[in-house]
N, C-alpha and C. Protein backbone atom coordinates (compact mmCIF):
# COMPACT_ATOMS: atom_id res chain seq x y z
N UNK A 1 30.53 259.98 101.36
CA UNK A 1 30.17 260.34 100.00
C UNK A 1 31.41 260.23 99.11
N UNK A 2 31.25 259.62 97.93
CA UNK A 2 32.37 259.49 97.00
C UNK A 2 32.64 260.83 96.33
N UNK A 3 33.78 260.91 95.67
CA UNK A 3 34.15 262.15 94.97
C UNK A 3 33.11 262.50 93.91
N UNK A 4 32.64 261.50 93.18
CA UNK A 4 31.64 261.77 92.14
C UNK A 4 30.31 262.21 92.74
N UNK A 5 29.93 261.63 93.87
CA UNK A 5 28.70 262.08 94.55
C UNK A 5 28.85 263.52 95.03
N UNK A 6 30.04 263.86 95.52
CA UNK A 6 30.31 265.23 95.95
C UNK A 6 30.16 266.19 94.76
N UNK A 7 30.73 265.78 93.62
CA UNK A 7 30.64 266.62 92.42
C UNK A 7 29.18 266.78 91.98
N UNK A 8 28.39 265.71 92.08
CA UNK A 8 26.97 265.79 91.69
C UNK A 8 26.22 266.81 92.53
N UNK A 9 26.64 266.98 93.77
CA UNK A 9 25.96 267.90 94.68
C UNK A 9 26.56 269.31 94.70
N UNK A 10 27.60 269.52 93.92
CA UNK A 10 28.26 270.83 93.88
C UNK A 10 27.37 271.85 93.17
N UNK A 11 27.11 272.95 93.83
CA UNK A 11 26.28 274.00 93.24
C UNK A 11 27.21 275.11 92.73
N UNK A 12 27.29 275.22 91.41
CA UNK A 12 28.14 276.22 90.78
C UNK A 12 27.35 277.38 90.17
N UNK A 13 26.05 277.21 89.99
CA UNK A 13 25.25 278.21 89.27
C UNK A 13 25.43 279.64 89.78
N UNK A 14 25.41 279.92 91.08
CA UNK A 14 25.58 281.31 91.51
C UNK A 14 26.96 281.87 91.14
N UNK A 15 27.97 281.02 91.13
CA UNK A 15 29.32 281.45 90.75
C UNK A 15 29.41 281.67 89.24
N UNK A 16 28.73 280.82 88.50
CA UNK A 16 28.68 281.00 87.04
C UNK A 16 28.01 282.33 86.72
N UNK A 17 26.91 282.64 87.42
CA UNK A 17 26.23 283.92 87.19
C UNK A 17 27.16 285.09 87.47
N UNK A 18 27.94 285.03 88.55
CA UNK A 18 28.92 286.08 88.85
C UNK A 18 29.97 286.16 87.74
N UNK A 19 30.40 285.00 87.26
CA UNK A 19 31.45 284.96 86.23
C UNK A 19 30.99 285.51 84.89
N UNK A 20 29.67 285.57 84.66
CA UNK A 20 29.20 286.10 83.37
C UNK A 20 29.63 287.55 83.16
N UNK A 21 29.98 288.26 84.23
CA UNK A 21 30.50 289.63 84.08
C UNK A 21 31.77 289.63 83.23
N UNK A 22 32.48 288.51 83.21
CA UNK A 22 33.73 288.41 82.44
C UNK A 22 33.50 288.28 80.94
N UNK A 23 32.25 288.12 80.51
CA UNK A 23 31.96 288.06 79.08
C UNK A 23 32.41 289.35 78.40
N UNK A 24 32.35 290.46 79.13
CA UNK A 24 32.72 291.76 78.56
C UNK A 24 34.23 291.97 78.44
N UNK A 25 35.03 291.07 79.00
CA UNK A 25 36.49 291.23 78.98
C UNK A 25 37.06 290.34 77.88
N UNK A 26 37.50 290.98 76.79
CA UNK A 26 38.02 290.25 75.64
C UNK A 26 39.45 289.77 75.88
N UNK A 27 39.81 288.67 75.24
CA UNK A 27 41.17 288.13 75.32
C UNK A 27 41.88 288.37 73.99
N UNK A 28 43.19 288.58 74.04
CA UNK A 28 43.97 288.80 72.82
C UNK A 28 43.86 287.63 71.85
N UNK A 29 43.71 286.44 72.39
CA UNK A 29 43.65 285.24 71.55
C UNK A 29 42.26 285.01 70.97
N UNK A 30 41.33 285.89 71.28
CA UNK A 30 39.94 285.71 70.87
C UNK A 30 39.13 285.22 72.06
N UNK A 31 37.85 285.31 71.94
CA UNK A 31 36.99 284.90 73.04
C UNK A 31 37.04 285.91 74.17
N UNK A 32 36.65 285.45 75.34
CA UNK A 32 36.60 286.35 76.49
C UNK A 32 37.00 285.62 77.76
N UNK A 33 37.12 286.37 78.83
CA UNK A 33 37.58 285.82 80.09
C UNK A 33 36.58 284.83 80.70
N UNK A 34 35.30 284.95 80.37
CA UNK A 34 34.30 284.00 80.85
C UNK A 34 34.64 282.60 80.34
N UNK A 35 34.94 282.49 79.06
CA UNK A 35 35.31 281.19 78.49
C UNK A 35 36.60 280.67 79.12
N UNK A 36 37.56 281.58 79.36
CA UNK A 36 38.81 281.17 80.00
C UNK A 36 38.55 280.62 81.41
N UNK A 37 37.64 281.23 82.13
CA UNK A 37 37.34 280.73 83.48
C UNK A 37 36.77 279.31 83.41
N UNK A 38 35.97 279.03 82.40
CA UNK A 38 35.43 277.68 82.23
C UNK A 38 36.52 276.70 81.83
N UNK A 39 37.46 277.17 81.03
CA UNK A 39 38.59 276.33 80.66
C UNK A 39 39.39 275.95 81.90
N UNK A 40 39.61 276.92 82.78
CA UNK A 40 40.35 276.67 84.01
C UNK A 40 39.60 275.67 84.90
N UNK A 41 38.30 275.86 85.02
CA UNK A 41 37.46 274.90 85.76
C UNK A 41 37.58 273.52 85.13
N UNK A 42 37.49 273.44 83.80
CA UNK A 42 37.59 272.15 83.10
C UNK A 42 38.90 271.45 83.36
N UNK A 43 39.98 272.20 83.43
CA UNK A 43 41.29 271.60 83.71
C UNK A 43 41.30 271.00 85.11
N UNK A 44 40.76 271.72 86.08
CA UNK A 44 40.71 271.20 87.45
C UNK A 44 39.82 269.96 87.55
N UNK A 45 38.73 269.95 86.80
CA UNK A 45 37.87 268.75 86.78
C UNK A 45 38.59 267.59 86.09
N UNK A 46 39.33 267.89 85.03
CA UNK A 46 40.10 266.88 84.34
C UNK A 46 41.12 266.23 85.28
N UNK A 47 41.67 267.02 86.20
CA UNK A 47 42.60 266.50 87.20
C UNK A 47 41.88 265.93 88.43
N UNK A 48 40.58 265.85 88.35
CA UNK A 48 39.74 265.18 89.36
C UNK A 48 39.74 265.83 90.74
N UNK A 49 39.75 267.14 90.77
CA UNK A 49 39.61 267.85 92.04
C UNK A 49 38.13 268.03 92.37
N UNK A 50 37.39 266.93 92.32
CA UNK A 50 35.94 266.95 92.49
C UNK A 50 35.49 267.39 93.88
N UNK A 51 36.29 267.13 94.88
CA UNK A 51 35.84 267.40 96.25
C UNK A 51 36.32 268.75 96.78
N UNK A 52 37.07 269.50 95.98
CA UNK A 52 37.60 270.77 96.43
C UNK A 52 36.67 271.89 95.92
N UNK A 53 35.55 272.05 96.60
CA UNK A 53 34.53 272.99 96.12
C UNK A 53 35.03 274.43 96.09
N UNK A 54 35.84 274.84 97.04
CA UNK A 54 36.36 276.21 97.05
C UNK A 54 37.23 276.44 95.82
N UNK A 55 38.11 275.50 95.52
CA UNK A 55 38.98 275.61 94.35
C UNK A 55 38.16 275.69 93.05
N UNK A 56 37.18 274.82 92.91
CA UNK A 56 36.37 274.81 91.69
C UNK A 56 35.58 276.12 91.53
N UNK A 57 35.00 276.59 92.61
CA UNK A 57 34.23 277.84 92.55
C UNK A 57 35.15 279.02 92.27
N UNK A 58 36.30 279.04 92.90
CA UNK A 58 37.25 280.14 92.69
C UNK A 58 37.78 280.15 91.25
N UNK A 59 37.88 278.98 90.64
CA UNK A 59 38.38 278.93 89.26
C UNK A 59 37.48 279.73 88.32
N UNK A 60 36.20 279.74 88.61
CA UNK A 60 35.27 280.50 87.77
C UNK A 60 35.45 282.01 87.92
N UNK A 61 35.99 282.42 89.06
CA UNK A 61 36.10 283.86 89.37
C UNK A 61 37.54 284.34 89.46
N UNK A 62 38.52 283.50 89.12
CA UNK A 62 39.91 283.81 89.43
C UNK A 62 40.44 285.10 88.80
N UNK A 63 39.85 285.57 87.71
CA UNK A 63 40.29 286.83 87.09
C UNK A 63 39.33 287.99 87.37
N UNK A 64 38.28 287.72 88.10
CA UNK A 64 37.21 288.71 88.26
C UNK A 64 37.67 290.01 88.92
N UNK A 65 38.37 289.93 90.04
CA UNK A 65 38.75 291.14 90.78
C UNK A 65 39.81 291.95 90.04
N UNK A 66 40.67 291.26 89.28
CA UNK A 66 41.69 291.96 88.51
C UNK A 66 41.09 292.63 87.28
N UNK A 67 40.22 291.90 86.58
CA UNK A 67 39.63 292.43 85.35
C UNK A 67 38.49 293.40 85.61
N UNK A 68 37.76 293.20 86.68
CA UNK A 68 36.62 294.06 87.02
C UNK A 68 36.71 294.44 88.50
N UNK A 69 37.61 295.37 88.83
CA UNK A 69 37.85 295.70 90.25
C UNK A 69 36.65 296.28 90.98
N UNK A 70 35.64 296.70 90.25
CA UNK A 70 34.44 297.24 90.91
C UNK A 70 33.53 296.14 91.46
N UNK A 71 33.90 294.89 91.25
CA UNK A 71 33.11 293.75 91.74
C UNK A 71 32.90 293.85 93.25
N UNK A 72 31.68 293.62 93.68
CA UNK A 72 31.35 293.64 95.10
C UNK A 72 31.67 292.27 95.72
N UNK A 73 32.76 292.22 96.46
CA UNK A 73 33.21 290.95 97.05
C UNK A 73 32.20 290.39 98.04
N UNK A 74 31.51 291.27 98.76
CA UNK A 74 30.54 290.78 99.75
C UNK A 74 29.42 289.97 99.10
N UNK A 75 29.05 290.31 97.88
CA UNK A 75 28.02 289.53 97.19
C UNK A 75 28.47 288.09 97.00
N UNK A 76 29.75 287.90 96.76
CA UNK A 76 30.29 286.54 96.60
C UNK A 76 30.38 285.86 97.96
N UNK A 77 30.81 286.58 98.97
CA UNK A 77 30.93 286.01 100.32
C UNK A 77 29.58 285.44 100.80
N UNK A 78 28.50 286.06 100.38
CA UNK A 78 27.17 285.67 100.85
C UNK A 78 26.51 284.59 100.00
N UNK A 79 27.16 284.15 98.92
CA UNK A 79 26.54 283.16 98.03
C UNK A 79 26.21 281.87 98.78
N UNK A 80 27.20 281.34 99.49
CA UNK A 80 27.00 280.08 100.22
C UNK A 80 28.09 279.96 101.28
N UNK A 81 28.16 278.80 101.91
CA UNK A 81 29.12 278.62 103.00
C UNK A 81 30.57 278.66 102.52
N UNK A 82 30.81 278.46 101.23
CA UNK A 82 32.16 278.55 100.66
C UNK A 82 32.54 279.98 100.26
N UNK A 83 31.57 280.87 100.22
CA UNK A 83 31.78 282.20 99.65
C UNK A 83 32.99 282.95 100.18
N UNK A 84 33.16 283.00 101.47
CA UNK A 84 34.30 283.74 102.04
C UNK A 84 35.63 283.10 101.66
N UNK A 85 35.69 281.78 101.69
CA UNK A 85 36.93 281.10 101.30
C UNK A 85 37.21 281.28 99.81
N UNK A 86 36.17 281.31 98.99
CA UNK A 86 36.33 281.56 97.55
C UNK A 86 36.92 282.96 97.34
N UNK A 87 36.37 283.95 98.01
CA UNK A 87 36.89 285.32 97.88
C UNK A 87 38.35 285.37 98.30
N UNK A 88 38.70 284.74 99.40
CA UNK A 88 40.09 284.76 99.88
C UNK A 88 41.03 284.11 98.87
N UNK A 89 40.62 283.00 98.28
CA UNK A 89 41.46 282.34 97.27
C UNK A 89 41.59 283.20 96.02
N UNK A 90 40.50 283.78 95.58
CA UNK A 90 40.57 284.66 94.40
C UNK A 90 41.48 285.85 94.68
N UNK A 91 41.37 286.43 95.87
CA UNK A 91 42.26 287.54 96.23
C UNK A 91 43.72 287.10 96.25
N UNK A 92 43.95 285.89 96.73
CA UNK A 92 45.32 285.38 96.79
C UNK A 92 45.97 285.26 95.41
N UNK A 93 45.16 284.89 94.39
CA UNK A 93 45.71 284.73 93.04
C UNK A 93 45.52 285.97 92.17
N UNK A 94 45.07 287.06 92.78
CA UNK A 94 44.86 288.30 92.05
C UNK A 94 46.09 289.18 92.18
N UNK A 95 46.53 289.71 91.05
CA UNK A 95 47.66 290.64 91.05
C UNK A 95 47.23 291.94 91.70
N UNK A 96 47.99 292.39 92.66
CA UNK A 96 47.65 293.60 93.42
C UNK A 96 48.02 294.86 92.66
N UNK A 97 47.33 295.92 92.98
CA UNK A 97 47.60 297.22 92.36
C UNK A 97 49.06 297.60 92.61
N UNK A 98 49.77 297.99 91.54
CA UNK A 98 51.16 298.39 91.64
C UNK A 98 52.14 297.24 91.66
N UNK A 99 51.65 296.01 91.64
CA UNK A 99 52.51 294.83 91.68
C UNK A 99 52.90 294.45 90.25
N UNK A 100 54.19 294.31 89.97
CA UNK A 100 54.60 293.85 88.65
C UNK A 100 54.25 292.38 88.50
N UNK A 101 54.25 291.90 87.28
CA UNK A 101 53.97 290.48 87.04
C UNK A 101 54.99 289.61 87.78
N UNK A 102 56.26 290.02 87.76
CA UNK A 102 57.30 289.26 88.45
C UNK A 102 57.06 289.26 89.96
N UNK A 103 56.74 290.41 90.53
CA UNK A 103 56.47 290.48 91.97
C UNK A 103 55.27 289.60 92.34
N UNK A 104 54.25 289.67 91.50
CA UNK A 104 53.05 288.86 91.73
C UNK A 104 53.38 287.37 91.75
N UNK A 105 54.11 286.91 90.73
CA UNK A 105 54.44 285.49 90.65
C UNK A 105 55.39 285.06 91.77
N UNK A 106 56.32 285.93 92.15
CA UNK A 106 57.22 285.63 93.28
C UNK A 106 56.41 285.50 94.57
N UNK A 107 55.48 286.43 94.78
CA UNK A 107 54.63 286.37 95.98
C UNK A 107 53.84 285.07 96.03
N UNK A 108 53.26 284.73 94.89
CA UNK A 108 52.45 283.51 94.83
C UNK A 108 53.32 282.26 95.04
N UNK A 109 54.49 282.22 94.42
CA UNK A 109 55.38 281.07 94.57
C UNK A 109 55.85 280.94 96.02
N UNK A 110 56.25 282.06 96.62
CA UNK A 110 56.82 282.02 97.96
C UNK A 110 55.78 281.87 99.07
N UNK A 111 54.61 282.48 98.88
CA UNK A 111 53.63 282.54 99.97
C UNK A 111 52.27 281.95 99.64
N UNK A 112 52.10 281.46 98.43
CA UNK A 112 50.78 280.97 98.02
C UNK A 112 50.41 279.66 98.70
N UNK A 113 49.13 279.51 98.92
CA UNK A 113 48.61 278.27 99.51
C UNK A 113 48.60 277.15 98.47
N UNK A 114 48.36 275.95 98.94
CA UNK A 114 48.24 274.79 98.07
C UNK A 114 47.19 275.05 96.99
N UNK A 115 46.00 275.54 97.41
CA UNK A 115 44.94 275.84 96.44
C UNK A 115 45.33 276.93 95.46
N UNK A 116 46.04 277.94 95.94
CA UNK A 116 46.48 279.02 95.04
C UNK A 116 47.43 278.47 93.98
N UNK A 117 48.31 277.58 94.38
CA UNK A 117 49.24 276.98 93.42
C UNK A 117 48.48 276.11 92.41
N UNK A 118 47.53 275.31 92.89
CA UNK A 118 46.73 274.50 91.96
C UNK A 118 45.99 275.38 90.97
N UNK A 119 45.37 276.44 91.48
CA UNK A 119 44.61 277.34 90.61
C UNK A 119 45.51 278.03 89.60
N UNK A 120 46.69 278.48 90.03
CA UNK A 120 47.61 279.14 89.11
C UNK A 120 48.09 278.17 88.05
N UNK A 121 48.36 276.93 88.43
CA UNK A 121 48.78 275.94 87.44
C UNK A 121 47.70 275.68 86.39
N UNK A 122 46.46 275.52 86.84
CA UNK A 122 45.35 275.30 85.89
C UNK A 122 45.17 276.52 84.99
N UNK A 123 45.26 277.71 85.57
CA UNK A 123 45.16 278.96 84.81
C UNK A 123 46.26 279.02 83.76
N UNK A 124 47.48 278.67 84.14
CA UNK A 124 48.61 278.75 83.20
C UNK A 124 48.49 277.69 82.11
N UNK A 125 47.99 276.50 82.44
CA UNK A 125 47.76 275.48 81.41
C UNK A 125 46.78 276.02 80.37
N UNK A 126 45.71 276.65 80.83
CA UNK A 126 44.74 277.24 79.91
C UNK A 126 45.39 278.32 79.06
N UNK A 127 46.17 279.19 79.69
CA UNK A 127 46.81 280.28 78.96
C UNK A 127 47.84 279.76 77.96
N UNK A 128 48.61 278.76 78.33
CA UNK A 128 49.59 278.20 77.40
C UNK A 128 48.91 277.53 76.22
N UNK A 129 47.79 276.90 76.47
CA UNK A 129 47.03 276.27 75.39
C UNK A 129 46.55 277.32 74.40
N UNK A 130 46.23 278.51 74.90
CA UNK A 130 45.74 279.61 74.06
C UNK A 130 46.85 280.49 73.50
N UNK A 131 48.10 280.19 73.81
CA UNK A 131 49.22 281.02 73.38
C UNK A 131 49.55 280.71 71.93
N UNK A 132 49.25 281.67 71.05
CA UNK A 132 49.45 281.45 69.61
C UNK A 132 50.31 282.56 69.02
N UNK A 133 51.13 282.17 68.07
CA UNK A 133 52.04 283.14 67.47
C UNK A 133 51.32 284.14 66.57
N UNK A 134 50.08 283.86 66.18
CA UNK A 134 49.37 284.83 65.36
C UNK A 134 48.73 285.94 66.20
N UNK A 135 48.72 285.79 67.53
CA UNK A 135 48.16 286.84 68.39
C UNK A 135 49.20 287.42 69.34
N UNK A 136 50.36 286.77 69.48
CA UNK A 136 51.41 287.25 70.38
C UNK A 136 52.73 287.27 69.62
N UNK A 137 53.58 288.23 69.96
CA UNK A 137 54.91 288.27 69.34
C UNK A 137 55.75 287.10 69.84
N UNK A 138 56.75 286.75 69.06
CA UNK A 138 57.64 285.67 69.47
C UNK A 138 58.33 286.01 70.79
N UNK A 139 58.68 287.29 70.97
CA UNK A 139 59.33 287.71 72.22
C UNK A 139 58.40 287.55 73.41
N UNK A 140 57.12 287.93 73.22
CA UNK A 140 56.16 287.80 74.32
C UNK A 140 55.95 286.33 74.67
N UNK A 141 55.88 285.48 73.67
CA UNK A 141 55.72 284.05 73.91
C UNK A 141 56.95 283.52 74.66
N UNK A 142 58.13 283.89 74.22
CA UNK A 142 59.35 283.44 74.86
C UNK A 142 59.42 283.91 76.32
N UNK A 143 59.07 285.17 76.57
CA UNK A 143 59.05 285.70 77.94
C UNK A 143 58.04 284.95 78.80
N UNK A 144 56.88 284.63 78.23
CA UNK A 144 55.83 283.91 78.97
C UNK A 144 56.31 282.50 79.34
N UNK A 145 57.01 281.87 78.41
CA UNK A 145 57.54 280.53 78.68
C UNK A 145 58.62 280.59 79.76
N UNK A 146 59.48 281.61 79.70
CA UNK A 146 60.50 281.79 80.74
C UNK A 146 59.84 281.96 82.11
N UNK A 147 58.81 282.78 82.15
CA UNK A 147 58.07 283.05 83.38
C UNK A 147 57.44 281.75 83.92
N UNK A 148 56.90 280.96 83.03
CA UNK A 148 56.28 279.70 83.42
C UNK A 148 57.32 278.77 84.04
N UNK A 149 58.48 278.68 83.40
CA UNK A 149 59.54 277.82 83.93
C UNK A 149 60.05 278.30 85.29
N UNK A 150 60.17 279.60 85.45
CA UNK A 150 60.75 280.15 86.68
C UNK A 150 59.78 280.11 87.86
N UNK A 151 58.49 280.35 87.60
CA UNK A 151 57.54 280.51 88.71
C UNK A 151 56.46 279.43 88.79
N UNK A 152 55.86 279.09 87.67
CA UNK A 152 54.68 278.21 87.72
C UNK A 152 55.08 276.73 87.79
N UNK A 153 56.10 276.34 87.06
CA UNK A 153 56.54 274.94 87.13
C UNK A 153 56.97 274.57 88.56
N UNK A 154 57.68 275.44 89.29
CA UNK A 154 57.96 275.10 90.70
C UNK A 154 56.70 274.95 91.54
N UNK A 155 55.65 275.72 91.23
CA UNK A 155 54.38 275.54 91.94
C UNK A 155 53.81 274.16 91.65
N UNK A 156 53.83 273.77 90.38
CA UNK A 156 53.30 272.46 89.99
C UNK A 156 54.09 271.34 90.66
N UNK A 157 55.39 271.52 90.77
CA UNK A 157 56.24 270.52 91.42
C UNK A 157 55.77 270.28 92.86
N UNK A 158 55.25 271.31 93.50
CA UNK A 158 54.80 271.21 94.90
C UNK A 158 53.41 270.57 95.02
N UNK A 159 52.56 270.73 94.00
CA UNK A 159 51.16 270.37 94.20
C UNK A 159 50.64 269.19 93.37
N UNK A 160 51.21 268.94 92.17
CA UNK A 160 50.62 267.89 91.36
C UNK A 160 51.58 267.45 90.25
N UNK A 161 52.05 266.21 90.30
CA UNK A 161 53.01 265.74 89.29
C UNK A 161 52.44 265.71 87.88
N UNK A 162 51.15 265.50 87.74
CA UNK A 162 50.55 265.48 86.40
C UNK A 162 50.48 266.88 85.80
N UNK A 163 50.17 267.87 86.62
CA UNK A 163 50.19 269.26 86.14
C UNK A 163 51.62 269.66 85.78
N UNK A 164 52.58 269.20 86.56
CA UNK A 164 53.99 269.46 86.27
C UNK A 164 54.35 268.93 84.90
N UNK A 165 53.95 267.71 84.62
CA UNK A 165 54.24 267.10 83.32
C UNK A 165 53.57 267.88 82.19
N UNK A 166 52.30 268.23 82.38
CA UNK A 166 51.60 268.96 81.32
C UNK A 166 52.22 270.32 81.07
N UNK A 167 52.54 271.05 82.13
CA UNK A 167 53.16 272.37 81.97
C UNK A 167 54.52 272.24 81.28
N UNK A 168 55.31 271.28 81.71
CA UNK A 168 56.63 271.07 81.11
C UNK A 168 56.50 270.73 79.63
N UNK A 169 55.56 269.86 79.31
CA UNK A 169 55.33 269.49 77.90
C UNK A 169 54.85 270.68 77.08
N UNK A 170 53.94 271.47 77.62
CA UNK A 170 53.44 272.64 76.89
C UNK A 170 54.56 273.64 76.61
N UNK A 171 55.40 273.88 77.60
CA UNK A 171 56.52 274.80 77.41
C UNK A 171 57.47 274.25 76.36
N UNK A 172 57.80 272.98 76.42
CA UNK A 172 58.71 272.37 75.45
C UNK A 172 58.15 272.46 74.03
N UNK A 173 56.86 272.19 73.87
CA UNK A 173 56.23 272.29 72.54
C UNK A 173 56.26 273.71 72.00
N UNK A 174 55.95 274.67 72.87
CA UNK A 174 55.96 276.07 72.43
C UNK A 174 57.38 276.52 72.06
N UNK A 175 58.36 276.05 72.81
CA UNK A 175 59.76 276.39 72.50
C UNK A 175 60.18 275.78 71.15
N UNK A 176 59.74 274.56 70.87
CA UNK A 176 60.04 273.94 69.56
C UNK A 176 59.45 274.77 68.43
N UNK A 177 58.23 275.23 68.61
CA UNK A 177 57.58 276.06 67.58
C UNK A 177 58.38 277.34 67.37
N UNK A 178 58.81 277.98 68.46
CA UNK A 178 59.60 279.20 68.33
C UNK A 178 60.91 278.93 67.59
N UNK A 179 61.58 277.82 67.89
CA UNK A 179 62.83 277.48 67.19
C UNK A 179 62.59 277.26 65.71
N UNK A 180 61.47 276.60 65.37
CA UNK A 180 61.14 276.38 63.95
C UNK A 180 60.90 277.72 63.25
N UNK A 181 60.21 278.63 63.91
CA UNK A 181 59.96 279.95 63.32
C UNK A 181 61.26 280.70 63.09
N UNK A 182 62.16 280.65 64.07
CA UNK A 182 63.45 281.31 63.93
C UNK A 182 64.24 280.73 62.77
N UNK A 183 64.23 279.40 62.62
CA UNK A 183 64.93 278.74 61.52
C UNK A 183 64.34 279.15 60.18
N UNK A 184 63.00 279.21 60.10
CA UNK A 184 62.35 279.66 58.87
C UNK A 184 62.74 281.08 58.51
N UNK A 185 62.78 281.95 59.52
CA UNK A 185 63.14 283.35 59.27
C UNK A 185 64.58 283.46 58.76
N UNK A 186 65.48 282.68 59.35
CA UNK A 186 66.89 282.70 58.90
C UNK A 186 66.99 282.17 57.46
N UNK A 187 66.26 281.10 57.16
CA UNK A 187 66.32 280.51 55.83
C UNK A 187 65.68 281.38 54.76
N UNK A 188 64.71 282.21 55.16
CA UNK A 188 64.01 283.06 54.20
C UNK A 188 64.51 284.49 54.19
N UNK A 189 65.56 284.76 54.97
CA UNK A 189 66.11 286.11 55.00
C UNK A 189 66.80 286.43 53.69
N UNK A 190 66.76 287.70 53.25
CA UNK A 190 67.44 288.07 52.01
C UNK A 190 68.93 287.71 52.10
N UNK A 191 69.42 287.11 51.04
CA UNK A 191 70.82 286.75 50.98
C UNK A 191 71.13 285.37 51.53
N UNK A 192 70.07 284.62 51.94
CA UNK A 192 70.37 283.28 52.45
C UNK A 192 70.30 282.24 51.36
């Protein structure tokens, strides 16, 4: 079966239904986590991961356990033959209770599977695309870009050269915008 034939036979509907719980989780940039999960899926499809059914299904649920910890994992395990592997991948990319963002990203970089790295890269591409200065402080944006360079770009280097290029380009563009903002602030400061 070709990759496109595999994609034609991929059943996502039960995972989409589970992901609808994320409609209730709002994002700072607007919209909700349900839309973000579809964006992450779209990025993986754009990179032609048509035959990786576990990765595609997990992309729809990748924030579910963190955002809605009351989720019944067994319901997902029983969806289909991929269910248990989907749960394991989602757990792998889920920040654990008491884990700082830095600890989480270090754990994922050092011990994450190939699929976990792919999923984190797609997730970060979506998040960087949604990173806007009207919803985040310049410091938060700068910290997020630093985090991406330190943890996520090395993941991309391991798993996909095209994701590496996109992440690197997104970080560079966001840094240029921050530099322009800083220059504007200096030029418009009283006494300049």
